[in-house]
Amino acid sequence: MQRVKRSLLIWEASCWTPRKVRPPAGAAFIFLCLLIEGFYDSYVVLMDFNSLYPSIIQEYNLCFTTVDRPFLNRVGGFYGSGTSKCRPRTGFVVFLATFCACPQLASFLSYCKGVLPKLLEFLVARRKEVKLMMRNCNSPQDLAQVTFHGPPFPLPKENAVFTQLDIRQLALKLTANSMYGCLGFAHSRFYAKPIAELITKKGREILQSTAELVQNQLCLEVIYGDTDSVMINTRASSLDEVKKIGERVRWTVNMSYKLLELEVDAIYKKMLLLKKKKYAALALYEDPQGVITTRKEVKGLDIVRRDWSELAVEVGGKILDLILSDRAREVVVSEILDYLRTVANDIRDGKVCRDKFIITKALAKPAQDYPDKKSQPHVQVALRMESRGLVIGSRDTIPYIICASGSTEPGNQLDIHSPTAMRAFHPDELGGDHSLVVDIHYYLKQQIYPVVSRLTDPIDEISDYMIAESLVSRFEKAAPLLVRCGKCQREQQMAVVARRELSGELSPALLCEDPACRHPFPLGYLKARLKLDIEKWTDQYYQVLYKQACAVLRVAG
């Protein structure tokens, strides 16, 4: 029987996708019906269709043998539309995958179940049997009731039987779900792009109709819909009320279908919805004893990506914890700004470990093949590593740190105005070169600020200006103290009185910056220079204030 089904399926598939004229891939697989960005501090329910695409194949009886399709002959003449029963007598059969829209459902064949729905029904039934055995499996002798294709899994554990059954039901589930993938994969033996497009088309219609039903009939707010799931803002105050809403939505939607099943997948206490497939939430979990716990779920945000420094990820995680906390909104805003000021001060004071500044990025191809080598920091680091004899290939992960000044090559001194890619260095290069200094401004502006800004964007009480002001030093734009060396007459800025070396020791910074001079500045000279600058800026302050007061008096008079 299985061989007969397989032969029929191969014969029908060959009518759809001849090997010589296979249409290109490119079906639209993902559909976004709705997205309302924002921070939701009320319960949000995630409703999910169980195995949407396999269920659509069974619900609408989609198969090579059931859908209407037009044909072309060898010279491109149109035969008309029909099913496999209406196959043309002669000519080269080609489905119009690239010339027409999706095929139509053949309603007059609805009583005759196709091959694909039969296979899926068989897989689903077997999975239900295995899951039933999992509930009743208590001893190794129960394993004999299951027919395994191949030797049993060697799992020397007490729950080996249960684990084997779990693996089997998961294999059956993946096999059923991969049926749609075989239809949409260009190199599959049963590739049929029009049927794959018809399945996704019905999926979009189902998701759209579900969102409209929930909003219009049940008067609930759908904040997100994507592929096979919808998120509903319940605005409920108790968990019991949320469960009732989820059950009402499930029952109402499932009444419209025979095999499609919508179920509650998760309940979120709080949710930060930023963009498509980018959100963070506190999910509620209830154990068999009825104890409810929360767990943070993060999908697609910057803090789960690998191309950000550990410092940015750590700061973003802390900000996210504050946003999802149960504190009042005003308290959260104040704590976020205070935390950003603390982080910025710790970075400037050298209290942050150097390893937290490391950024990692993988090479998509060999470093020499990049056309824009000078604008890619990880490519520049990879090229220097190759020049030292290291073997670097594509997909290798390159760690680097952006520095403000210094150089590893004689005669090639870099400063803050040099391109960012040229100021990227491997962490090992910083270990033996004391002239390389981490670019604090880069990490505050290009690493921490973007991550925090995107996380706090839905919160109206926090603006980008407030974030930037918290990260910028209060005296960053203040006029520097300029001093002149009494020996070489070189003028320089005096910003610190001591520097912390890599060994942890403090070294005096009241010296001339010229390596050939290194003459110490007399303490009396520095006091006099500082006193003169203070008097200068104090006089300038009162002059401006006097001019403004005079302008106000003239207007009033």
Protein backbone atom coordinates (compact mmCIF):
# COMPACT_ATOMS: atom_id res chain seq x y z
CA MET A 1 0.00 0.00 0.00
CA GLN A 2 2.80 2.40 0.87
CA ARG A 3 4.56 1.64 -2.43
CA VAL A 4 1.33 2.33 -4.34
CA LYS A 5 0.92 5.67 -2.57
CA ARG A 6 4.54 6.55 -3.21
CA SER A 7 4.27 5.70 -6.92
CA LEU A 8 1.10 7.74 -7.26
CA LEU A 9 2.67 10.69 -5.48
CA ILE A 10 5.78 10.58 -7.67
CA TRP A 11 3.64 10.37 -10.83
CA GLU A 12 1.51 13.33 -9.81
CA ALA A 13 4.50 15.41 -8.70
CA SER A 14 6.23 14.82 -12.01
CA CYS A 15 3.27 16.44 -13.77
CA TRP A 16 3.75 19.55 -11.68
CA THR A 17 7.48 20.11 -11.69
CA PRO A 18 9.37 18.61 -14.65
CA ARG A 19 13.09 18.47 -13.95
CA LYS A 20 14.06 20.51 -17.00
CA VAL A 21 11.73 23.46 -16.41
CA ARG A 22 11.54 23.70 -12.62
CA PRO A 23 10.28 27.16 -11.59
CA PRO A 24 12.45 29.23 -9.28
CA ALA A 25 11.82 29.35 -5.57
CA GLY A 26 10.50 32.42 -3.84
CA ALA A 27 7.13 31.82 -2.28
CA ALA A 28 6.08 34.15 0.50
CA PHE A 29 6.07 32.02 3.64
CA ILE A 30 5.61 34.60 6.41
CA PHE A 31 2.66 36.88 6.89
CA LEU A 32 2.31 39.76 9.31
CA CYS A 33 -1.30 40.81 9.70
CA LEU A 34 -0.96 43.30 12.56
CA LEU A 35 1.62 44.95 14.79
CA ILE A 36 0.91 47.51 17.50
CA GLU A 37 4.20 48.46 19.14
CA GLY A 38 4.26 49.42 22.78
CA PHE A 39 4.69 48.36 26.38
CA TYR A 40 1.79 46.34 27.78
CA ASP A 41 1.54 46.05 31.55
CA SER A 42 -1.69 44.01 31.38
CA TYR A 43 -2.04 40.31 30.59
CA VAL A 44 -1.32 39.30 26.99
CA VAL A 45 -2.42 35.92 25.61
CA LEU A 46 -0.49 34.18 22.83
CA MET A 47 -2.81 31.99 20.74
CA ASP A 48 -1.16 29.53 18.37
CA PHE A 49 -2.46 27.17 15.67
CA ASN A 50 -1.23 23.61 16.15
CA SER A 51 0.80 22.55 13.08
CA LEU A 52 -0.86 25.15 10.87
CA TYR A 53 0.41 24.09 7.44
CA PRO A 54 -0.14 20.32 7.87
CA SER A 55 -3.59 21.10 9.26
CA ILE A 56 -4.37 23.29 6.23
CA ILE A 57 -3.41 20.42 3.90
CA GLN A 58 -5.89 18.17 5.72
CA GLU A 59 -8.57 20.81 6.24
CA TYR A 60 -8.79 21.77 2.56
CA ASN A 61 -7.68 18.43 1.08
CA LEU A 62 -4.68 19.93 -0.73
CA CYS A 63 -2.73 17.52 -2.89
CA PHE A 64 -1.34 17.02 -6.39
CA THR A 65 -4.47 14.96 -7.07
CA THR A 66 -7.14 17.41 -5.88
CA VAL A 67 -6.39 21.01 -6.89
CA ASP A 68 -7.28 22.52 -10.26
CA ARG A 69 -4.35 23.40 -12.45
CA PRO A 70 -3.82 24.58 -16.06
CA PHE A 71 -1.42 22.93 -18.51
CA LEU A 72 0.89 23.92 -21.33
CA ASN A 73 1.86 21.72 -24.25
CA ARG A 74 5.36 21.37 -25.66
CA VAL A 75 5.16 24.60 -27.71
CA GLY A 76 3.45 26.64 -25.01
CA GLY A 77 -0.19 26.17 -26.07
CA PHE A 78 -2.77 26.38 -23.29
CA TYR A 79 -4.85 23.27 -22.65
CA GLY A 80 -7.07 24.62 -19.90
CA SER A 81 -7.37 23.71 -16.26
CA GLY A 82 -8.08 20.43 -14.59
CA THR A 83 -6.98 17.89 -12.04
CA SER A 84 -4.86 14.81 -12.48
CA LYS A 85 -7.97 13.11 -13.96
CA CYS A 86 -7.98 15.71 -16.78
CA ARG A 87 -4.43 15.20 -17.94
CA PRO A 88 -3.81 16.09 -21.64
CA ARG A 89 -3.26 13.15 -23.95
CA THR A 90 -0.02 14.35 -25.51
CA GLY A 91 2.48 17.12 -25.02
CA PHE A 92 4.92 18.20 -22.41
CA VAL A 93 3.00 18.89 -19.19
CA VAL A 94 4.09 21.99 -17.30
CA PHE A 95 2.24 23.67 -14.48
CA LEU A 96 2.01 27.43 -14.89
CA ALA A 97 4.03 28.15 -11.76
CA THR A 98 5.54 31.33 -13.12
CA PHE A 99 2.67 32.50 -15.33
CA CYS A 100 -0.52 32.27 -13.26
CA ALA A 101 -1.78 32.72 -9.74
CA CYS A 102 -2.17 30.02 -7.12
CA PRO A 103 -4.24 26.98 -8.12
CA GLN A 104 -7.87 26.78 -7.05
CA LEU A 105 -9.47 24.28 -4.71
CA ALA A 106 -11.33 21.51 -6.49
CA SER A 107 -14.59 21.41 -4.55
CA PHE A 108 -16.06 18.55 -6.58
CA LEU A 109 -13.18 16.33 -5.39
CA SER A 110 -13.66 17.14 -1.72
CA TYR A 111 -15.19 13.72 -1.10
CA CYS A 112 -12.01 12.03 -2.39
CA LYS A 113 -9.15 12.48 0.06
CA GLY A 114 -5.79 13.18 -1.56
CA VAL A 115 -2.52 11.37 -0.98
CA LEU A 116 -0.90 14.13 1.12
CA PRO A 117 -3.86 14.46 3.52
CA LYS A 118 -3.91 10.67 3.94
CA LEU A 119 -0.22 10.56 4.78
CA LEU A 120 -0.58 13.42 7.25
CA GLU A 121 -3.61 11.78 8.84
CA PHE A 122 -1.56 8.61 9.26
CA LEU A 123 1.36 10.49 10.87
CA VAL A 124 -0.92 12.45 13.20
CA ALA A 125 -2.73 9.28 14.28
CA ARG A 126 0.54 7.50 15.00
CA ARG A 127 1.77 10.46 17.04
CA LYS A 128 -1.41 10.41 19.13
CA GLU A 129 -0.87 6.71 19.81
CA VAL A 130 2.71 7.32 20.92
CA LYS A 131 1.67 10.21 23.19
CA LEU A 132 -0.99 7.97 24.74
CA MET A 133 1.68 5.35 25.40
CA MET A 134 3.84 8.04 27.02
CA ARG A 135 1.09 8.70 29.53
CA ASN A 136 0.64 4.99 30.27
CA CYS A 137 4.28 3.89 30.04
CA ASN A 138 5.55 2.82 33.47
CA SER A 139 7.93 -0.12 32.85
CA PRO A 140 10.45 -1.28 30.23
CA GLN A 141 8.00 -4.02 29.20
CA ASP A 142 5.71 -1.34 27.81
CA LEU A 143 8.32 -0.63 25.16
CA ALA A 144 7.38 -3.86 23.40
CA GLN A 145 4.00 -2.35 22.53
CA VAL A 146 5.70 0.19 20.26
CA THR A 147 6.94 -0.80 16.82
CA PHE A 148 10.30 0.91 16.25
CA HIS A 149 11.92 1.00 12.84
CA GLY A 150 15.47 0.07 13.76
CA PRO A 151 17.18 -0.83 17.05
CA PRO A 152 16.01 0.81 20.28
CA PHE A 153 17.84 3.89 21.45
CA PRO A 154 20.67 3.07 23.91
CA LEU A 155 19.67 5.36 26.76
CA PRO A 156 20.88 3.97 30.12
CA LYS A 157 18.47 5.99 32.23
CA GLU A 158 15.57 5.19 34.49
CA ASN A 159 13.17 6.98 32.16
CA ALA A 160 14.65 5.48 28.99
CA VAL A 161 11.28 4.18 27.78
CA PHE A 162 9.62 7.54 28.19
CA THR A 163 12.55 9.26 26.47
CA GLN A 164 12.38 6.89 23.50
CA LEU A 165 8.67 7.48 23.11
CA ASP A 166 9.20 11.22 23.36
CA ILE A 167 11.83 11.09 20.62
CA ARG A 168 9.47 9.06 18.44
CA GLN A 169 6.54 11.44 18.82
CA LEU A 170 8.85 14.35 18.07
CA ALA A 171 10.11 12.58 14.94
CA LEU A 172 6.54 12.03 13.77
CA LYS A 173 5.74 15.68 14.42
CA LEU A 174 8.77 16.90 12.45
CA THR A 175 7.95 14.54 9.59
CA ALA A 176 4.42 15.90 9.35
CA ASN A 177 5.57 19.52 9.56
CA SER A 178 8.24 18.96 6.91
CA MET A 179 5.60 17.96 4.35
CA TYR A 180 5.02 21.61 3.52
CA GLY A 181 8.77 22.19 3.34
CA CYS A 182 9.10 19.46 0.72
CA LEU A 183 6.52 21.26 -1.41
CA GLY A 184 8.32 24.61 -1.16
CA PHE A 185 11.93 23.41 -1.45
CA ALA A 186 13.21 23.76 -5.02
CA HIS A 187 15.47 20.69 -4.81
CA SER A 188 12.85 18.41 -3.28
CA ARG A 189 11.58 15.45 -5.28
CA PHE A 190 8.01 16.59 -4.66
CA TYR A 191 8.63 20.30 -5.23
CA ALA A 192 5.40 22.10 -6.17
CA LYS A 193 5.65 25.82 -5.59
CA PRO A 194 2.01 26.56 -6.55
CA ILE A 195 0.69 24.18 -3.89
CA ALA A 196 3.09 25.68 -1.34
CA GLU A 197 1.83 29.15 -2.28
CA LEU A 198 -1.76 27.95 -1.98
CA ILE A 199 -1.03 26.65 1.53
CA THR A 200 0.54 29.95 2.63
CA LYS A 201 -2.32 31.84 0.99
CA LYS A 202 -4.87 29.90 3.04
CA GLY A 203 -2.70 30.47 6.12
CA ARG A 204 -2.80 34.23 5.56
CA GLU A 205 -6.56 34.12 5.11
CA ILE A 206 -7.01 32.08 8.28
CA LEU A 207 -4.81 34.40 10.34
CA GLN A 208 -6.55 37.49 8.97
CA SER A 209 -10.02 36.09 9.59
CA THR A 210 -9.00 35.04 13.11
CA ALA A 211 -7.78 38.55 13.93
CA GLU A 212 -10.96 40.10 12.54
CA LEU A 213 -13.15 37.65 14.46
CA VAL A 214 -11.36 38.35 17.74
CA GLN A 215 -11.58 42.12 17.26
CA ASN A 216 -15.08 42.45 15.77
CA GLN A 217 -17.02 39.62 17.39
CA LEU A 218 -15.25 39.23 20.73
CA CYS A 219 -14.27 42.92 21.05
CA LEU A 220 -10.68 42.16 22.03
CA GLU A 221 -7.51 43.93 20.93
CA VAL A 222 -5.11 41.97 18.70
CA ILE A 223 -1.67 43.56 19.03
CA TYR A 224 0.38 41.14 16.95
CA GLY A 225 -0.24 38.47 14.34
CA ASP A 226 2.50 36.52 12.62
CA THR A 227 2.37 33.35 10.48
CA ASP A 228 0.44 31.02 12.81
CA SER A 229 -0.15 32.96 16.02
CA VAL A 230 -1.89 36.04 17.40
CA MET A 231 -1.29 38.04 20.57
CA ILE A 232 -4.31 39.47 22.36
CA ASN A 233 -4.24 42.28 24.91
CA THR A 234 -6.86 41.10 27.38
CA ARG A 235 -6.78 44.19 29.64
CA ALA A 236 -7.75 41.77 32.42
CA SER A 237 -6.72 42.18 36.03
CA SER A 238 -6.78 38.54 37.17
CA LEU A 239 -5.29 35.34 35.80
CA ASP A 240 -8.60 33.47 36.01
CA GLU A 241 -10.24 36.07 33.81
CA VAL A 242 -7.39 35.75 31.31
CA LYS A 243 -7.87 31.97 31.13
CA LYS A 244 -11.59 32.43 30.47
CA ILE A 245 -10.84 34.88 27.66
CA GLY A 246 -8.37 32.45 26.09
CA GLU A 247 -10.86 29.60 26.29
CA ARG A 248 -13.59 31.76 24.73
CA VAL A 249 -11.31 32.75 21.84
CA ARG A 250 -10.23 29.14 21.33
CA TRP A 251 -13.79 27.81 21.25
CA THR A 252 -15.07 30.57 18.94
CA VAL A 253 -12.28 30.20 16.37
CA ASN A 254 -12.23 26.39 16.35
CA MET A 255 -15.97 26.30 15.63
CA SER A 256 -15.19 27.44 12.07
CA TYR A 257 -12.88 24.52 11.21
CA LYS A 258 -12.83 20.74 11.31
CA LEU A 259 -9.15 20.04 11.89
CA LEU A 260 -7.54 23.41 12.58
CA GLU A 261 -7.03 23.95 16.31
CA LEU A 262 -6.21 27.25 18.01
CA GLU A 263 -4.87 26.91 21.55
CA VAL A 264 -3.41 29.09 24.27
CA ASP A 265 0.36 28.86 23.88
CA ALA A 266 1.45 31.31 26.61
CA ILE A 267 0.22 34.00 28.97
CA TYR A 268 2.40 37.05 29.48
CA LYS A 269 2.17 39.25 32.54
CA LYS A 270 4.02 42.14 30.88
CA MET A 271 5.21 42.59 27.31
CA LEU A 272 7.53 44.97 25.49
CA LEU A 273 6.65 44.70 21.79
CA LEU A 274 9.11 46.54 19.56
CA LYS A 275 8.94 45.17 16.02
CA LYS A 276 8.16 42.04 14.06
CA LYS A 277 9.65 39.04 15.89
CA LYS A 278 11.28 41.42 18.39
CA TYR A 279 9.77 41.43 21.84
CA ALA A 280 10.42 40.67 25.49
CA ALA A 281 7.89 39.46 28.01
CA LEU A 282 7.34 37.89 31.41
CA ALA A 283 5.71 34.51 30.76
CA LEU A 284 3.63 32.81 33.44
CA TYR A 285 4.11 29.09 34.15
CA GLU A 286 1.93 26.98 36.43
CA ASP A 287 3.22 23.66 37.82
CA PRO A 288 0.96 20.69 38.68
CA GLN A 289 0.73 21.94 42.28
CA GLY A 290 -0.69 25.25 41.05
CA VAL A 291 2.38 27.33 41.88
CA ILE A 292 2.82 30.15 39.35
CA THR A 293 6.27 31.36 38.37
CA THR A 294 7.49 33.93 35.87
CA ARG A 295 10.20 33.58 33.26
CA LYS A 296 11.67 36.24 31.01
CA GLU A 297 11.42 35.52 27.27
CA VAL A 298 13.44 37.57 24.80
CA LYS A 299 13.06 37.19 21.03
CA GLY A 300 15.09 39.02 18.41
CA LEU A 301 16.36 41.90 20.59
CA ASP A 302 19.89 43.29 20.50
CA ILE A 303 20.78 41.71 23.84
CA VAL A 304 20.44 38.19 22.38
CA ARG A 305 22.59 38.91 19.33
CA ARG A 306 26.31 38.13 19.25
CA ASP A 307 27.55 41.23 17.42
CA TRP A 308 27.23 43.48 20.48
CA SER A 309 29.74 43.86 23.27
CA GLU A 310 29.18 42.14 26.59
CA LEU A 311 28.90 45.58 28.17
CA ALA A 312 26.01 46.59 25.88
CA VAL A 313 24.25 43.26 26.45
CA GLU A 314 24.66 43.57 30.22
CA VAL A 315 23.30 47.12 30.28
CA GLY A 316 20.42 46.18 27.98
CA GLY A 317 19.50 43.21 30.16
CA LYS A 318 19.44 45.38 33.28
CA ILE A 319 17.28 48.01 31.56
CA LEU A 320 14.89 45.29 30.38
CA ASP A 321 14.60 43.89 33.91
CA LEU A 322 13.70 47.35 35.20
CA ILE A 323 11.07 47.83 32.47
CA LEU A 324 9.42 44.46 33.17
CA SER A 325 9.51 44.91 36.95
CA ASP A 326 6.45 45.60 39.08
CA ARG A 327 7.67 49.03 40.16
CA ALA A 328 5.76 52.21 39.33
CA ARG A 329 6.51 53.84 36.01
CA GLU A 330 8.05 56.95 37.59
CA VAL A 331 10.34 54.82 39.76
CA VAL A 332 11.43 52.75 36.75
CA VAL A 333 12.31 55.86 34.75
CA SER A 334 14.34 57.28 37.61
CA GLU A 335 16.20 54.00 38.19
CA ILE A 336 17.01 53.63 34.49
CA LEU A 337 18.56 57.09 34.27
CA ASP A 338 20.48 56.61 37.52
CA TYR A 339 21.80 53.27 36.33
CA LEU A 340 22.99 54.77 33.03
CA ARG A 341 24.86 57.52 34.89
CA THR A 342 26.51 54.93 37.12
CA VAL A 343 27.57 52.81 34.15
CA ALA A 344 28.98 55.82 32.30
CA ASN A 345 30.97 56.93 35.35
CA ASP A 346 32.32 53.41 35.92
CA ILE A 347 33.51 53.27 32.32
CA ARG A 348 35.29 56.62 32.60
CA ASP A 349 36.86 55.67 35.93
CA GLY A 350 38.26 52.43 34.53
CA LYS A 351 36.15 50.19 36.76
CA VAL A 352 34.84 48.08 33.86
CA CYS A 353 36.77 44.95 32.92
CA ARG A 354 38.40 45.14 29.49
CA ASP A 355 36.82 41.86 28.38
CA LYS A 356 33.38 43.49 28.48
CA PHE A 357 34.42 45.81 25.63
CA ILE A 358 35.08 42.89 23.26
CA ILE A 359 32.86 42.80 20.18
CA THR A 360 32.63 39.58 18.15
CA LYS A 361 31.61 39.25 14.54
CA ALA A 362 31.92 36.36 12.11
CA LEU A 363 33.49 36.57 8.67
CA ALA A 364 31.00 35.82 5.92
CA LYS A 365 33.86 35.13 3.50
CA PRO A 366 37.67 35.31 3.49
CA ALA A 367 38.95 38.67 4.68
CA GLN A 368 40.75 39.33 1.38
CA ASP A 369 37.47 39.02 -0.56
CA TYR A 370 35.74 41.94 1.16
CA PRO A 371 35.47 44.91 -1.23
CA ASP A 372 35.08 47.37 1.67
CA LYS A 373 37.91 46.18 3.91
CA LYS A 374 38.65 49.63 5.30
CA SER A 375 35.14 50.09 6.70
CA GLN A 376 34.82 46.69 8.43
CA PRO A 377 36.49 46.53 11.88
CA HIS A 378 36.53 42.74 12.12
CA VAL A 379 38.00 42.48 8.62
CA GLN A 380 40.88 44.80 9.55
CA VAL A 381 41.62 42.72 12.63
CA ALA A 382 41.47 39.51 10.58
CA LEU A 383 43.91 40.91 8.03
CA ARG A 384 46.41 41.80 10.77
CA MET A 385 46.02 38.33 12.26
CA GLU A 386 46.75 36.79 8.85
CA SER A 387 49.82 39.00 8.47
CA ARG A 388 51.15 37.46 11.69
CA GLY A 389 50.83 33.97 10.22
CA LEU A 390 47.48 32.95 11.71
CA VAL A 391 45.06 30.99 9.53
CA ILE A 392 41.72 32.82 9.33
CA GLY A 393 38.89 31.48 7.19
CA SER A 394 35.30 32.33 6.44
CA ARG A 395 32.78 31.94 9.28
CA ASP A 396 35.54 32.42 11.85
CA THR A 397 34.53 34.68 14.73
CA ILE A 398 36.81 37.69 15.16
CA PRO A 399 36.96 39.49 18.54
CA TYR A 400 38.02 43.12 18.63
CA ILE A 401 38.01 46.28 20.76
CA ILE A 402 37.65 49.83 19.44
CA CYS A 403 40.46 52.05 20.73
CA ALA A 404 40.73 55.83 20.87
CA SER A 405 44.46 56.18 20.28
CA GLY A 406 47.64 54.22 19.84
CA SER A 407 48.99 51.86 17.20
CA THR A 408 50.63 48.47 16.87
CA GLU A 409 52.70 49.56 13.87
CA PRO A 410 55.60 52.06 14.06
CA GLY A 411 54.88 55.34 12.31
CA ASN A 412 51.15 54.73 12.08
CA GLN A 413 49.78 56.62 15.07
CA LEU A 414 45.98 56.65 15.36
CA ASP A 415 43.72 59.04 17.22
CA ILE A 416 40.02 59.61 17.84
CA HIS A 417 39.58 61.14 14.37
CA SER A 418 40.84 58.04 12.54
CA PRO A 419 38.24 55.73 10.91
CA THR A 420 36.58 53.37 13.35
CA ALA A 421 37.65 50.26 11.44
CA MET A 422 41.30 51.31 11.62
CA ARG A 423 41.02 51.66 15.41
CA ALA A 424 39.84 48.06 15.93
CA PHE A 425 42.37 45.80 17.65
CA HIS A 426 42.42 42.22 18.85
CA PRO A 427 42.25 41.87 22.66
CA ASP A 428 45.70 40.28 22.62
CA GLU A 429 47.11 43.40 20.97
CA LEU A 430 45.94 45.53 23.89
CA GLY A 431 47.63 43.25 26.40
CA GLY A 432 51.19 44.13 25.45
CA ASP A 433 50.73 47.68 24.19
CA HIS A 434 50.13 50.31 26.87
CA SER A 435 49.52 53.04 24.26
CA LEU A 436 46.20 51.50 23.15
CA VAL A 437 43.32 53.08 25.04
CA VAL A 438 39.70 51.94 24.82
CA ASP A 439 37.45 54.43 23.03
CA ILE A 440 34.97 55.25 25.77
CA HIS A 441 32.91 57.57 23.59
CA TYR A 442 32.41 54.86 20.96
CA TYR A 443 31.00 52.38 23.45
CA LEU A 444 28.73 54.96 25.04
CA LYS A 445 27.48 56.30 21.71
CA GLN A 446 27.54 53.29 19.37
CA GLN A 447 27.01 50.37 21.75
CA ILE A 448 25.07 51.33 24.87
CA TYR A 449 22.98 54.20 23.52
CA PRO A 450 21.38 52.32 20.54
CA VAL A 451 20.51 49.30 22.69
CA VAL A 452 18.93 51.37 25.46
CA SER A 453 17.20 53.74 23.05
CA ARG A 454 15.41 50.91 21.23
CA LEU A 455 14.34 49.25 24.48
CA THR A 456 12.89 52.45 25.95
CA ASP A 457 11.32 53.71 22.72
CA PRO A 458 7.74 52.65 23.67
CA ILE A 459 8.04 54.37 27.08
CA ASP A 460 6.84 57.95 26.70
CA GLU A 461 8.41 59.12 29.95
CA ILE A 462 11.95 58.48 28.61
CA SER A 463 13.28 60.41 25.62
CA ASP A 464 16.44 59.89 23.61
CA TYR A 465 17.74 63.19 24.96
CA MET A 466 17.40 61.97 28.55
CA ILE A 467 19.32 58.80 27.69
CA ALA A 468 22.09 60.72 25.95
CA GLU A 469 22.30 63.21 28.81
CA SER A 470 22.70 60.36 31.31
CA LEU A 471 25.54 58.81 29.33
CA VAL A 472 27.43 62.03 28.61
CA SER A 473 29.72 63.40 31.28
CA ARG A 474 28.54 66.59 32.93
CA PHE A 475 31.86 68.30 32.21
CA GLU A 476 32.56 66.72 28.82
CA LYS A 477 32.08 70.02 26.97
CA ALA A 478 33.88 72.11 29.57
CA ALA A 479 36.94 74.07 28.50
CA PRO A 480 40.13 72.07 29.19
CA LEU A 481 42.92 73.21 31.46
CA LEU A 482 45.85 74.09 29.17
CA VAL A 483 49.37 74.02 30.59
CA ARG A 484 52.77 74.61 28.98
CA CYS A 485 55.90 72.61 29.70
CA GLY A 486 58.67 74.79 31.11
CA LYS A 487 61.37 72.72 29.40
CA CYS A 488 60.18 71.99 25.83
CA GLN A 489 57.43 74.68 25.72
CA ARG A 490 54.86 72.12 24.53
CA GLU A 491 51.23 72.97 25.35
CA GLN A 492 48.92 70.14 26.45
CA GLN A 493 45.65 69.44 28.24
CA MET A 494 45.72 68.50 31.89
CA ALA A 495 42.69 66.31 32.60
CA VAL A 496 43.86 63.87 35.28
CA VAL A 497 46.47 63.82 38.00
CA ALA A 498 47.14 60.07 37.84
CA ARG A 499 46.65 57.14 35.48
CA ARG A 500 45.97 53.49 36.34
CA GLU A 501 48.36 51.10 34.61
CA LEU A 502 47.51 47.58 33.47
CA SER A 503 49.17 46.22 36.59
CA GLY A 504 46.70 48.18 38.70
CA GLU A 505 49.22 50.70 40.03
CA LEU A 506 48.70 54.46 39.80
CA SER A 507 51.33 56.49 37.99
CA PRO A 508 51.55 60.31 38.15
CA ALA A 509 50.15 62.13 35.12
CA LEU A 510 51.57 65.59 35.96
CA LEU A 511 54.29 65.12 33.35
CA CYS A 512 54.94 66.43 29.86
CA GLU A 513 53.33 64.19 27.23
CA ASP A 514 56.40 64.36 24.99
CA PRO A 515 58.20 60.99 25.42
CA ALA A 516 61.55 62.72 24.91
CA CYS A 517 60.85 65.29 27.62
CA ARG A 518 58.65 63.88 30.42
CA HIS A 519 59.44 67.00 32.49
CA PRO A 520 57.29 67.26 35.65
CA PHE A 521 55.00 70.26 36.11
CA PRO A 522 55.66 72.23 39.32
CA LEU A 523 52.71 72.06 41.67
CA GLY A 524 52.78 75.84 42.25
CA TYR A 525 52.57 76.47 38.50
CA LEU A 526 49.54 74.19 38.16
CA LYS A 527 47.75 75.92 41.07
CA ALA A 528 48.38 79.35 39.56
CA ARG A 529 47.29 78.20 36.09
CA LEU A 530 44.07 76.70 37.48
CA LYS A 531 43.32 79.85 39.54
CA LEU A 532 43.72 82.09 36.48
CA ASP A 533 41.36 79.92 34.42
CA ILE A 534 38.74 79.91 37.18
CA GLU A 535 38.86 83.72 37.42
CA LYS A 536 38.68 84.00 33.62
CA TRP A 537 35.54 81.85 33.26
CA THR A 538 33.92 83.43 36.32
CA ASP A 539 34.34 86.91 34.80
CA GLN A 540 32.94 85.65 31.49
CA TYR A 541 29.91 84.17 33.26
CA TYR A 542 29.05 87.48 34.97
CA GLN A 543 29.62 89.42 31.75
CA VAL A 544 27.05 87.29 29.93
CA LEU A 545 24.67 87.53 32.86
CA TYR A 546 25.09 91.33 32.96
CA LYS A 547 24.32 91.63 29.23
CA GLN A 548 21.17 89.53 29.58
CA ALA A 549 20.00 91.59 32.56
CA CYS A 550 20.56 94.82 30.64
CA ALA A 551 18.57 93.46 27.69
CA VAL A 552 15.66 92.60 29.98
CA LEU A 553 15.72 96.08 31.56
CA ARG A 554 15.69 97.76 28.15
CA VAL A 555 12.67 95.73 27.06
CA ALA A 556 10.87 96.44 30.34
CA GLY A 557 11.65 100.15 30.13
